[in-house]
Amino acid sequence: MPKLDSSPDTENDDAKIEALKKRIAAADQQESERTAKGRPVVDENYHKGNRVLADLIAGIGGGALIGWFLDRFFATSPWLMLVFLFMGIIVAFRNIIKNSGNIGQ
């Protein structure tokens, strides 16, 4: 069985391992700083913009779709679609105005 002792080779290996650990830690730190800069910061205005877009699409598209189905059912083409489309536009703008009431505060 080999005998373990603190020979100069073992001490040299320990120093190499410690130096390698320091280099790995420094590389990890540099990589985390490098990748952190590339991440976009999402703020509240981004979420508000998405909400406005969703309100517009849902209001206009939903109103037009409901009106189109009712036109098919009652055979009143295109009147109910136009009525519900304009109602969807009105509801969409009402929601946008209601949700953006805290702008400028």
PDB file of N, CA and C in Angstrom:
ATOM      1  N   MET A   1       0.839  -1.165   0.000  1.00  0.00           N
ATOM      2  CA  MET A   1       0.000   0.000   0.000  1.00  0.00           C
ATOM      3  C   MET A   1       0.888   1.233   0.000  1.00  0.00           C
ATOM      4  N   PRO A   2       0.595   2.213  -0.897  1.00  0.00           N
ATOM      5  CA  PRO A   2       1.444   3.397  -0.945  1.00  0.00           C
ATOM      6  C   PRO A   2       1.248   4.250   0.292  1.00  0.00           C
ATOM      7  N   LYS A   3       2.300   4.835   0.673  1.00  0.00           N
ATOM      8  CA  LYS A   3       2.295   5.665   1.866  1.00  0.00           C
ATOM      9  C   LYS A   3       2.034   7.123   1.459  1.00  0.00           C
ATOM     10  N   LEU A   4       1.070   7.753   2.148  1.00  0.00           N
ATOM     11  CA  LEU A   4       0.755   9.149   1.877  1.00  0.00           C
ATOM     12  C   LEU A   4       1.608  10.044   2.751  1.00  0.00           C
ATOM     13  N   ASP A   5       2.317  10.898   2.120  1.00  0.00           N
ATOM     14  CA  ASP A   5       3.104  11.858   2.876  1.00  0.00           C
ATOM     15  C   ASP A   5       3.017  13.212   2.196  1.00  0.00           C
ATOM     16  N   SER A   6       3.470  14.214   2.854  1.00  0.00           N
ATOM     17  CA  SER A   6       3.420  15.556   2.290  1.00  0.00           C
ATOM     18  C   SER A   6       4.732  15.838   1.576  1.00  0.00           C
ATOM     19  N   SER A   7       4.884  15.211   0.442  1.00  0.00           N
ATOM     20  CA  SER A   7       6.085  15.414  -0.343  1.00  0.00           C
ATOM     21  C   SER A   7       5.968  16.721  -1.123  1.00  0.00           C
ATOM     22  N   PRO A   8       7.003  17.223  -1.693  1.00  0.00           N
ATOM     23  CA  PRO A   8       6.942  18.467  -2.468  1.00  0.00           C
ATOM     24  C   PRO A   8       5.984  18.363  -3.646  1.00  0.00           C
ATOM     25  N   ASP A   9       5.828  17.166  -4.238  1.00  0.00           N
ATOM     26  CA  ASP A   9       4.891  17.010  -5.352  1.00  0.00           C
ATOM     27  C   ASP A   9       3.459  17.207  -4.891  1.00  0.00           C
ATOM     28  N   THR A  10       3.107  16.694  -3.732  1.00  0.00           N
ATOM     29  CA  THR A  10       1.759  16.832  -3.200  1.00  0.00           C
ATOM     30  C   THR A  10       1.461  18.299  -2.885  1.00  0.00           C
ATOM     31  N   GLU A  11       2.409  18.989  -2.307  1.00  0.00           N
ATOM     32  CA  GLU A  11       2.202  20.402  -1.999  1.00  0.00           C
ATOM     33  C   GLU A  11       2.080  21.223  -3.276  1.00  0.00           C
ATOM     34  N   ASN A  12       2.834  20.864  -4.288  1.00  0.00           N
ATOM     35  CA  ASN A  12       2.766  21.552  -5.571  1.00  0.00           C
ATOM     36  C   ASN A  12       1.402  21.315  -6.230  1.00  0.00           C
ATOM     37  N   ASP A  13       0.889  20.069  -6.090  1.00  0.00           N
ATOM     38  CA  ASP A  13      -0.432  19.759  -6.643  1.00  0.00           C
ATOM     39  C   ASP A  13      -1.527  20.547  -5.931  1.00  0.00           C
ATOM     40  N   ASP A  14      -1.404  20.678  -4.613  1.00  0.00           N
ATOM     41  CA  ASP A  14      -2.388  21.450  -3.857  1.00  0.00           C
ATOM     42  C   ASP A  14      -2.395  22.910  -4.292  1.00  0.00           C
ATOM     43  N   ALA A  15      -1.257  23.475  -4.551  1.00  0.00           N
ATOM     44  CA  ALA A  15      -1.170  24.858  -5.008  1.00  0.00           C
ATOM     45  C   ALA A  15      -1.783  25.004  -6.392  1.00  0.00           C
ATOM     46  N   LYS A  16      -1.550  24.000  -7.238  1.00  0.00           N
ATOM     47  CA  LYS A  16      -2.147  24.036  -8.587  1.00  0.00           C
ATOM     48  C   LYS A  16      -3.665  23.950  -8.510  1.00  0.00           C
ATOM     49  N   ILE A  17      -4.166  23.107  -7.635  1.00  0.00           N
ATOM     50  CA  ILE A  17      -5.618  22.961  -7.483  1.00  0.00           C
ATOM     51  C   ILE A  17      -6.233  24.260  -6.973  1.00  0.00           C
ATOM     52  N   GLU A  18      -5.603  24.873  -5.994  1.00  0.00           N
ATOM     53  CA  GLU A  18      -6.110  26.143  -5.467  1.00  0.00           C
ATOM     54  C   GLU A  18      -6.081  27.238  -6.531  1.00  0.00           C
ATOM     55  N   ALA A  19      -5.019  27.283  -7.325  1.00  0.00           N
ATOM     56  CA  ALA A  19      -4.932  28.273  -8.401  1.00  0.00           C
ATOM     57  C   ALA A  19      -6.014  28.020  -9.447  1.00  0.00           C
ATOM     58  N   LEU A  20      -6.273  26.751  -9.741  1.00  0.00           N
ATOM     59  CA  LEU A  20      -7.324  26.408 -10.699  1.00  0.00           C
ATOM     60  C   LEU A  20      -8.698  26.806 -10.175  1.00  0.00           C
ATOM     61  N   LYS A  21      -8.948  26.583  -8.889  1.00  0.00           N
ATOM     62  CA  LYS A  21     -10.228  26.979  -8.284  1.00  0.00           C
ATOM     63  C   LYS A  21     -10.426  28.496  -8.373  1.00  0.00           C
ATOM     64  N   LYS A  22      -9.354  29.252  -8.143  1.00  0.00           N
ATOM     65  CA  LYS A  22      -9.450  30.714  -8.234  1.00  0.00           C
ATOM     66  C   LYS A  22      -9.738  31.160  -9.666  1.00  0.00           C
ATOM     67  N   ARG A  23      -9.095  30.515 -10.629  1.00  0.00           N
ATOM     68  CA  ARG A  23      -9.331  30.861 -12.035  1.00  0.00           C
ATOM     69  C   ARG A  23     -10.759  30.527 -12.453  1.00  0.00           C
ATOM     70  N   ILE A  24     -11.275  29.388 -11.988  1.00  0.00           N
ATOM     71  CA  ILE A  24     -12.656  29.007 -12.309  1.00  0.00           C
ATOM     72  C   ILE A  24     -13.632  29.999 -11.690  1.00  0.00           C
ATOM     73  N   ALA A  25     -13.403  30.402 -10.452  1.00  0.00           N
ATOM     74  CA  ALA A  25     -14.280  31.379  -9.797  1.00  0.00           C
ATOM     75  C   ALA A  25     -14.254  32.717 -10.528  1.00  0.00           C
ATOM     76  N   ALA A  26     -13.061  33.145 -10.961  1.00  0.00           N
ATOM     77  CA  ALA A  26     -12.957  34.404 -11.696  1.00  0.00           C
ATOM     78  C   ALA A  26     -13.675  34.302 -13.049  1.00  0.00           C
ATOM     79  N   ALA A  27     -13.540  33.167 -13.728  1.00  0.00           N
ATOM     80  CA  ALA A  27     -14.222  32.984 -15.024  1.00  0.00           C
ATOM     81  C   ALA A  27     -15.739  32.955 -14.835  1.00  0.00           C
ATOM     82  N   ASP A  28     -16.213  32.304 -13.758  1.00  0.00           N
ATOM     83  CA  ASP A  28     -17.652  32.298 -13.470  1.00  0.00           C
ATOM     84  C   ASP A  28     -18.170  33.697 -13.210  1.00  0.00           C
ATOM     85  N   GLN A  29     -17.400  34.495 -12.472  1.00  0.00           N
ATOM     86  CA  GLN A  29     -17.797  35.877 -12.185  1.00  0.00           C
ATOM     87  C   GLN A  29     -17.871  36.704 -13.468  1.00  0.00           C
ATOM     88  N   GLN A  30     -16.860  36.563 -14.326  1.00  0.00           N
ATOM     89  CA  GLN A  30     -16.864  37.306 -15.594  1.00  0.00           C
ATOM     90  C   GLN A  30     -18.026  36.880 -16.480  1.00  0.00           C
ATOM     91  N   GLU A  31     -18.318  35.600 -16.518  1.00  0.00           N
ATOM     92  CA  GLU A  31     -19.416  35.115 -17.355  1.00  0.00           C
ATOM     93  C   GLU A  31     -20.763  35.598 -16.836  1.00  0.00           C
ATOM     94  N   SER A  32     -20.944  35.610 -15.529  1.00  0.00           N
ATOM     95  CA  SER A  32     -22.218  36.096 -14.990  1.00  0.00           C
ATOM     96  C   SER A  32     -22.396  37.588 -15.252  1.00  0.00           C
ATOM     97  N   GLU A  33     -21.314  38.367 -15.197  1.00  0.00           N
ATOM     98  CA  GLU A  33     -21.407  39.789 -15.517  1.00  0.00           C
ATOM     99  C   GLU A  33     -21.691  39.996 -16.998  1.00  0.00           C
ATOM    100  N   ARG A  34     -21.085  39.184 -17.846  1.00  0.00           N
ATOM    101  CA  ARG A  34     -21.279  39.325 -19.288  1.00  0.00           C
ATOM    102  C   ARG A  34     -22.704  38.978 -19.690  1.00  0.00           C
ATOM    103  N   THR A  35     -23.249  37.917 -19.146  1.00  0.00           N
ATOM    104  CA  THR A  35     -24.598  37.509 -19.527  1.00  0.00           C
ATOM    105  C   THR A  35     -25.660  38.379 -18.875  1.00  0.00           C
ATOM    106  N   ALA A  36     -25.361  38.991 -17.747  1.00  0.00           N
ATOM    107  CA  ALA A  36     -26.341  39.856 -17.090  1.00  0.00           C
ATOM    108  C   ALA A  36     -26.578  41.125 -17.892  1.00  0.00           C
ATOM    109  N   LYS A  37     -25.573  41.603 -18.617  1.00  0.00           N
ATOM    110  CA  LYS A  37     -25.731  42.827 -19.404  1.00  0.00           C
ATOM    111  C   LYS A  37     -26.650  42.622 -20.593  1.00  0.00           C
ATOM    112  N   GLY A  38     -26.734  41.417 -21.127  1.00  0.00           N
ATOM    113  CA  GLY A  38     -27.520  41.158 -22.323  1.00  0.00           C
ATOM    114  C   GLY A  38     -28.997  40.952 -22.055  1.00  0.00           C
ATOM    115  N   ARG A  39     -29.370  40.794 -20.807  1.00  0.00           N
ATOM    116  CA  ARG A  39     -30.776  40.551 -20.491  1.00  0.00           C
ATOM    117  C   ARG A  39     -31.548  41.862 -20.488  1.00  0.00           C
ATOM    118  N   PRO A  40     -32.640  41.917 -21.236  1.00  0.00           N
ATOM    119  CA  PRO A  40     -33.430  43.144 -21.217  1.00  0.00           C
ATOM    120  C   PRO A  40     -34.212  43.264 -19.908  1.00  0.00           C
ATOM    121  N   VAL A  41     -34.338  44.464 -19.446  1.00  0.00           N
ATOM    122  CA  VAL A  41     -35.090  44.720 -18.231  1.00  0.00           C
ATOM    123  C   VAL A  41     -36.535  45.017 -18.639  1.00  0.00           C
ATOM    124  N   VAL A  42     -37.445  44.201 -18.134  1.00  0.00           N
ATOM    125  CA  VAL A  42     -38.856  44.376 -18.447  1.00  0.00           C
ATOM    126  C   VAL A  42     -39.461  45.234 -17.346  1.00  0.00           C
ATOM    127  N   ASP A  43     -40.006  46.358 -17.736  1.00  0.00           N
ATOM    128  CA  ASP A  43     -40.579  47.244 -16.741  1.00  0.00           C
ATOM    129  C   ASP A  43     -42.096  47.245 -16.850  1.00  0.00           C
ATOM    130  N   GLU A  44     -42.719  48.049 -16.045  1.00  0.00           N
ATOM    131  CA  GLU A  44     -44.175  48.096 -15.981  1.00  0.00           C
ATOM    132  C   GLU A  44     -44.774  48.629 -17.285  1.00  0.00           C
ATOM    133  N   ASN A  45     -44.064  49.522 -17.977  1.00  0.00           N
ATOM    134  CA  ASN A  45     -44.589  50.068 -19.226  1.00  0.00           C
ATOM    135  C   ASN A  45     -44.710  49.003 -20.306  1.00  0.00           C
ATOM    136  N   TYR A  46     -43.809  48.046 -20.304  1.00  0.00           N
ATOM    137  CA  TYR A  46     -43.883  46.935 -21.254  1.00  0.00           C
ATOM    138  C   TYR A  46     -45.156  46.125 -21.014  1.00  0.00           C
ATOM    139  N   HIS A  47     -45.465  45.877 -19.752  1.00  0.00           N
ATOM    140  CA  HIS A  47     -46.674  45.137 -19.424  1.00  0.00           C
ATOM    141  C   HIS A  47     -47.927  45.929 -19.786  1.00  0.00           C
ATOM    142  N   LYS A  48     -47.883  47.240 -19.576  1.00  0.00           N
ATOM    143  CA  LYS A  48     -49.031  48.076 -19.943  1.00  0.00           C
ATOM    144  C   LYS A  48     -49.240  48.081 -21.458  1.00  0.00           C
ATOM    145  N   GLY A  49     -48.154  48.121 -22.211  1.00  0.00           N
ATOM    146  CA  GLY A  49     -48.268  48.068 -23.671  1.00  0.00           C
ATOM    147  C   GLY A  49     -48.869  46.764 -24.146  1.00  0.00           C
ATOM    148  N   ASN A  50     -48.454  45.658 -23.536  1.00  0.00           N
ATOM    149  CA  ASN A  50     -49.049  44.371 -23.890  1.00  0.00           C
ATOM    150  C   ASN A  50     -50.525  44.324 -23.537  1.00  0.00           C
ATOM    151  N   ARG A  51     -50.888  44.952 -22.437  1.00  0.00           N
ATOM    152  CA  ARG A  51     -52.295  44.981 -22.029  1.00  0.00           C
ATOM    153  C   ARG A  51     -53.133  45.792 -23.024  1.00  0.00           C
ATOM    154  N   VAL A  52     -52.589  46.920 -23.486  1.00  0.00           N
ATOM    155  CA  VAL A  52     -53.290  47.734 -24.483  1.00  0.00           C
ATOM    156  C   VAL A  52     -53.476  46.942 -25.769  1.00  0.00           C
ATOM    157  N   LEU A  53     -52.445  46.254 -26.209  1.00  0.00           N
ATOM    158  CA  LEU A  53     -52.529  45.445 -27.417  1.00  0.00           C
ATOM    159  C   LEU A  53     -53.567  44.337 -27.264  1.00  0.00           C
ATOM    160  N   ALA A  54     -53.568  43.674 -26.122  1.00  0.00           N
ATOM    161  CA  ALA A  54     -54.547  42.611 -25.886  1.00  0.00           C
ATOM    162  C   ALA A  54     -55.971  43.155 -25.860  1.00  0.00           C
ATOM    163  N   ASP A  55     -56.162  44.326 -25.248  1.00  0.00           N
ATOM    164  CA  ASP A  55     -57.492  44.932 -25.216  1.00  0.00           C
ATOM    165  C   ASP A  55     -57.975  45.274 -26.623  1.00  0.00           C
ATOM    166  N   LEU A  56     -57.083  45.818 -27.443  1.00  0.00           N
ATOM    167  CA  LEU A  56     -57.476  46.161 -28.815  1.00  0.00           C
ATOM    168  C   LEU A  56     -57.835  44.926 -29.625  1.00  0.00           C
ATOM    169  N   ILE A  57     -56.989  43.916 -29.559  1.00  0.00           N
ATOM    170  CA  ILE A  57     -57.238  42.707 -30.348  1.00  0.00           C
ATOM    171  C   ILE A  57     -58.502  42.010 -29.865  1.00  0.00           C
ATOM    172  N   ALA A  58     -58.650  41.874 -28.549  1.00  0.00           N
ATOM    173  CA  ALA A  58     -59.817  41.172 -28.014  1.00  0.00           C
ATOM    174  C   ALA A  58     -61.109  41.941 -28.285  1.00  0.00           C
ATOM    175  N   GLY A  59     -61.086  43.249 -28.094  1.00  0.00           N
ATOM    176  CA  GLY A  59     -62.308  44.030 -28.304  1.00  0.00           C
ATOM    177  C   GLY A  59     -62.748  44.040 -29.752  1.00  0.00           C
ATOM    178  N   ILE A  60     -61.830  44.358 -30.638  1.00  0.00           N
ATOM    179  CA  ILE A  60     -62.181  44.462 -32.060  1.00  0.00           C
ATOM    180  C   ILE A  60     -62.459  43.083 -32.644  1.00  0.00           C
ATOM    181  N   GLY A  61     -61.563  42.134 -32.382  1.00  0.00           N
ATOM    182  CA  GLY A  61     -61.756  40.783 -32.923  1.00  0.00           C
ATOM    183  C   GLY A  61     -62.960  40.086 -32.337  1.00  0.00           C
ATOM    184  N   GLY A  62     -63.144  40.222 -31.025  1.00  0.00           N
ATOM    185  CA  GLY A  62     -64.304  39.590 -30.387  1.00  0.00           C
ATOM    186  C   GLY A  62     -65.618  40.168 -30.884  1.00  0.00           C
ATOM    187  N   GLY A  63     -65.682  41.487 -31.001  1.00  0.00           N
ATOM    188  CA  GLY A  63     -66.912  42.109 -31.506  1.00  0.00           C
ATOM    189  C   GLY A  63     -67.209  41.697 -32.933  1.00  0.00           C
ATOM    190  N   ALA A  64     -66.195  41.685 -33.773  1.00  0.00           N
ATOM    191  CA  ALA A  64     -66.394  41.290 -35.166  1.00  0.00           C
ATOM    192  C   ALA A  64     -66.803  39.820 -35.269  1.00  0.00           C
ATOM    193  N   LEU A  65     -66.195  38.970 -34.466  1.00  0.00           N
ATOM    194  CA  LEU A  65     -66.509  37.540 -34.515  1.00  0.00           C
ATOM    195  C   LEU A  65     -67.934  37.264 -34.027  1.00  0.00           C
ATOM    196  N   ILE A  66     -68.320  37.884 -32.934  1.00  0.00           N
ATOM    197  CA  ILE A  66     -69.693  37.704 -32.432  1.00  0.00           C
ATOM    198  C   ILE A  66     -70.695  38.242 -33.444  1.00  0.00           C
ATOM    199  N   GLY A  67     -70.418  39.400 -34.009  1.00  0.00           N
ATOM    200  CA  GLY A  67     -71.315  39.956 -35.019  1.00  0.00           C
ATOM    201  C   GLY A  67     -71.410  39.084 -36.256  1.00  0.00           C
ATOM    202  N   TRP A  68     -70.309  38.508 -36.674  1.00  0.00           N
ATOM    203  CA  TRP A  68     -70.318  37.629 -37.853  1.00  0.00           C
ATOM    204  C   TRP A  68     -71.162  36.387 -37.602  1.00  0.00           C
ATOM    205  N   PHE A  69     -71.007  35.777 -36.415  1.00  0.00           N
ATOM    206  CA  PHE A  69     -71.817  34.603 -36.083  1.00  0.00           C
ATOM    207  C   PHE A  69     -73.298  34.952 -36.004  1.00  0.00           C
ATOM    208  N   LEU A  70     -73.626  36.080 -35.400  1.00  0.00           N
ATOM    209  CA  LEU A  70     -75.032  36.479 -35.319  1.00  0.00           C
ATOM    210  C   LEU A  70     -75.587  36.822 -36.698  1.00  0.00           C
ATOM    211  N   ASP A  71     -74.770  37.411 -37.569  1.00  0.00           N
ATOM    212  CA  ASP A  71     -75.205  37.659 -38.947  1.00  0.00           C
ATOM    213  C   ASP A  71     -75.522  36.348 -39.655  1.00  0.00           C
ATOM    214  N   ARG A  72     -74.699  35.351 -39.467  1.00  0.00           N
ATOM    215  CA  ARG A  72     -74.959  34.043 -40.088  1.00  0.00           C
ATOM    216  C   ARG A  72     -76.232  33.421 -39.531  1.00  0.00           C
ATOM    217  N   PHE A  73     -76.450  33.579 -38.230  1.00  0.00           N
ATOM    218  CA  PHE A  73     -77.610  32.961 -37.584  1.00  0.00           C
ATOM    219  C   PHE A  73     -78.918  33.654 -37.976  1.00  0.00           C
ATOM    220  N   PHE A  74     -78.911  34.995 -38.010  1.00  0.00           N
ATOM    221  CA  PHE A  74     -80.131  35.749 -38.313  1.00  0.00           C
ATOM    222  C   PHE A  74     -80.214  36.203 -39.763  1.00  0.00           C
ATOM    223  N   ALA A  75     -79.202  35.941 -40.567  1.00  0.00           N
ATOM    224  CA  ALA A  75     -79.148  36.320 -41.984  1.00  0.00           C
ATOM    225  C   ALA A  75     -79.345  37.830 -42.166  1.00  0.00           C
ATOM    226  N   THR A  76     -78.600  38.596 -41.414  1.00  0.00           N
ATOM    227  CA  THR A  76     -78.704  40.058 -41.481  1.00  0.00           C
ATOM    228  C   THR A  76     -77.400  40.679 -41.968  1.00  0.00           C
ATOM    229  N   SER A  77     -76.630  39.945 -42.715  1.00  0.00           N
ATOM    230  CA  SER A  77     -75.295  40.371 -43.127  1.00  0.00           C
ATOM    231  C   SER A  77     -75.323  41.737 -43.792  1.00  0.00           C
ATOM    232  N   PRO A  78     -74.446  42.623 -43.518  1.00  0.00           N
ATOM    233  CA  PRO A  78     -73.334  42.757 -42.577  1.00  0.00           C
ATOM    234  C   PRO A  78     -73.678  43.595 -41.359  1.00  0.00           C
ATOM    235  N   TRP A  79     -74.954  43.825 -41.086  1.00  0.00           N
ATOM    236  CA  TRP A  79     -75.333  44.832 -40.093  1.00  0.00           C
ATOM    237  C   TRP A  79     -74.948  44.478 -38.668  1.00  0.00           C
ATOM    238  N   LEU A  80     -75.202  43.263 -38.243  1.00  0.00           N
ATOM    239  CA  LEU A  80     -74.841  42.914 -36.867  1.00  0.00           C
ATOM    240  C   LEU A  80     -73.324  42.867 -36.678  1.00  0.00           C
ATOM    241  N   MET A  81     -72.612  42.460 -37.725  1.00  0.00           N
ATOM    242  CA  MET A  81     -71.162  42.461 -37.614  1.00  0.00           C
ATOM    243  C   MET A  81     -70.649  43.888 -37.439  1.00  0.00           C
ATOM    244  N   LEU A  82     -71.189  44.831 -38.190  1.00  0.00           N
ATOM    245  CA  LEU A  82     -70.764  46.222 -38.053  1.00  0.00           C
ATOM    246  C   LEU A  82     -71.124  46.784 -36.680  1.00  0.00           C
ATOM    247  N   VAL A  83     -72.323  46.460 -36.204  1.00  0.00           N
ATOM    248  CA  VAL A  83     -72.745  46.950 -34.891  1.00  0.00           C
ATOM    249  C   VAL A  83     -71.825  46.404 -33.803  1.00  0.00           C
ATOM    250  N   PHE A  84     -71.579  45.097 -33.820  1.00  0.00           N
ATOM    251  CA  PHE A  84     -70.728  44.508 -32.788  1.00  0.00           C
ATOM    252  C   PHE A  84     -69.258  44.900 -32.948  1.00  0.00           C
ATOM    253  N   LEU A  85     -68.840  45.141 -34.165  1.00  0.00           N
ATOM    254  CA  LEU A  85     -67.476  45.625 -34.382  1.00  0.00           C
ATOM    255  C   LEU A  85     -67.292  46.990 -33.726  1.00  0.00           C
ATOM    256  N   PHE A  86     -68.219  47.892 -33.948  1.00  0.00           N
ATOM    257  CA  PHE A  86     -68.121  49.210 -33.322  1.00  0.00           C
ATOM    258  C   PHE A  86     -68.283  49.122 -31.803  1.00  0.00           C
ATOM    259  N   MET A  87     -69.120  48.206 -31.335  1.00  0.00           N
ATOM    260  CA  MET A  87     -69.231  48.017 -29.890  1.00  0.00           C
ATOM    261  C   MET A  87     -67.914  47.485 -29.314  1.00  0.00           C
ATOM    262  N   GLY A  88     -67.260  46.581 -30.037  1.00  0.00           N
ATOM    263  CA  GLY A  88     -65.967  46.061 -29.601  1.00  0.00           C
ATOM    264  C   GLY A  88     -64.905  47.146 -29.553  1.00  0.00           C
ATOM    265  N   ILE A  89     -64.928  48.050 -30.550  1.00  0.00           N
ATOM    266  CA  ILE A  89     -63.980  49.167 -30.560  1.00  0.00           C
ATOM    267  C   ILE A  89     -64.230  50.077 -29.358  1.00  0.00           C
ATOM    268  N   ILE A  90     -65.480  50.365 -29.086  1.00  0.00           N
ATOM    269  CA  ILE A  90     -65.817  51.232 -27.957  1.00  0.00           C
ATOM    270  C   ILE A  90     -65.385  50.588 -26.640  1.00  0.00           C
ATOM    271  N   VAL A  91     -65.652  49.288 -26.481  1.00  0.00           N
ATOM    272  CA  VAL A  91     -65.271  48.590 -25.252  1.00  0.00           C
ATOM    273  C   VAL A  91     -63.750  48.539 -25.118  1.00  0.00           C
ATOM    274  N   ALA A  92     -63.055  48.318 -26.224  1.00  0.00           N
ATOM    275  CA  ALA A  92     -61.584  48.261 -26.179  1.00  0.00           C
ATOM    276  C   ALA A  92     -61.015  49.603 -25.736  1.00  0.00           C
ATOM    277  N   PHE A  93     -61.491  50.690 -26.307  1.00  0.00           N
ATOM    278  CA  PHE A  93     -60.975  51.997 -25.916  1.00  0.00           C
ATOM    279  C   PHE A  93     -61.375  52.359 -24.485  1.00  0.00           C
ATOM    280  N   ARG A  94     -62.555  51.939 -24.057  1.00  0.00           N
ATOM    281  CA  ARG A  94     -62.962  52.180 -22.673  1.00  0.00           C
ATOM    282  C   ARG A  94     -62.033  51.448 -21.710  1.00  0.00           C
ATOM    283  N   ASN A  95     -61.688  50.197 -22.028  1.00  0.00           N
ATOM    284  CA  ASN A  95     -60.771  49.436 -21.176  1.00  0.00           C
ATOM    285  C   ASN A  95     -59.374  50.053 -21.167  1.00  0.00           C
ATOM    286  N   ILE A  96     -58.932  50.527 -22.307  1.00  0.00           N
ATOM    287  CA  ILE A  96     -57.603  51.143 -22.380  1.00  0.00           C
ATOM    288  C   ILE A  96     -57.568  52.414 -21.537  1.00  0.00           C
ATOM    289  N   ILE A  97     -58.591  53.231 -21.648  1.00  0.00           N
ATOM    290  CA  ILE A  97     -58.645  54.462 -20.865  1.00  0.00           C
ATOM    291  C   ILE A  97     -58.744  54.155 -19.382  1.00  0.00           C
ATOM    292  N   LYS A  98     -59.551  53.152 -19.031  1.00  0.00           N
ATOM    293  CA  LYS A  98     -59.707  52.781 -17.625  1.00  0.00           C
ATOM    294  C   LYS A  98     -58.392  52.248 -17.042  1.00  0.00           C
ATOM    295  N   ASN A  99     -57.685  51.414 -17.795  1.00  0.00           N
ATOM    296  CA  ASN A  99     -56.449  50.819 -17.294  1.00  0.00           C
ATOM    297  C   ASN A  99     -55.265  51.787 -17.310  1.00  0.00           C
ATOM    298  N   SER A 100     -55.349  52.839 -18.065  1.00  0.00           N
ATOM    299  CA  SER A 100     -54.238  53.797 -18.095  1.00  0.00           C
ATOM    300  C   SER A 100     -54.585  55.067 -17.338  1.00  0.00           C
ATOM    301  N   GLY A 101     -55.439  54.977 -16.378  1.00  0.00           N
ATOM    302  CA  GLY A 101     -55.847  56.148 -15.594  1.00  0.00           C
ATOM    303  C   GLY A 101     -54.760  56.700 -14.719  1.00  0.00           C
ATOM    304  N   ASN A 102     -53.712  55.912 -14.438  1.00  0.00           N
ATOM    305  CA  ASN A 102     -52.645  56.407 -13.568  1.00  0.00           C
ATOM    306  C   ASN A 102     -51.453  56.933 -14.329  1.00  0.00           C
ATOM    307  N   ILE A 103     -51.607  57.234 -15.603  1.00  0.00           N
ATOM    308  CA  ILE A 103     -50.505  57.809 -16.392  1.00  0.00           C
ATOM    309  C   ILE A 103     -50.305  59.260 -15.957  1.00  0.00           C
ATOM    310  N   GLY A 104     -49.068  59.627 -15.762  1.00  0.00           N
ATOM    311  CA  GLY A 104     -48.748  60.992 -15.378  1.00  0.00           C
ATOM    312  C   GLY A 104     -48.784  61.233 -13.887  1.00  0.00           C
ATOM    313  N   GLN A 105     -48.955  60.178 -13.122  1.00  0.00           N
ATOM    314  CA  GLN A 105     -48.990  60.339 -11.664  1.00  0.00           C
ATOM    315  C   GLN A 105     -47.726  59.844 -11.053  1.00  0.00           C
TER     316      GLN A 105
END
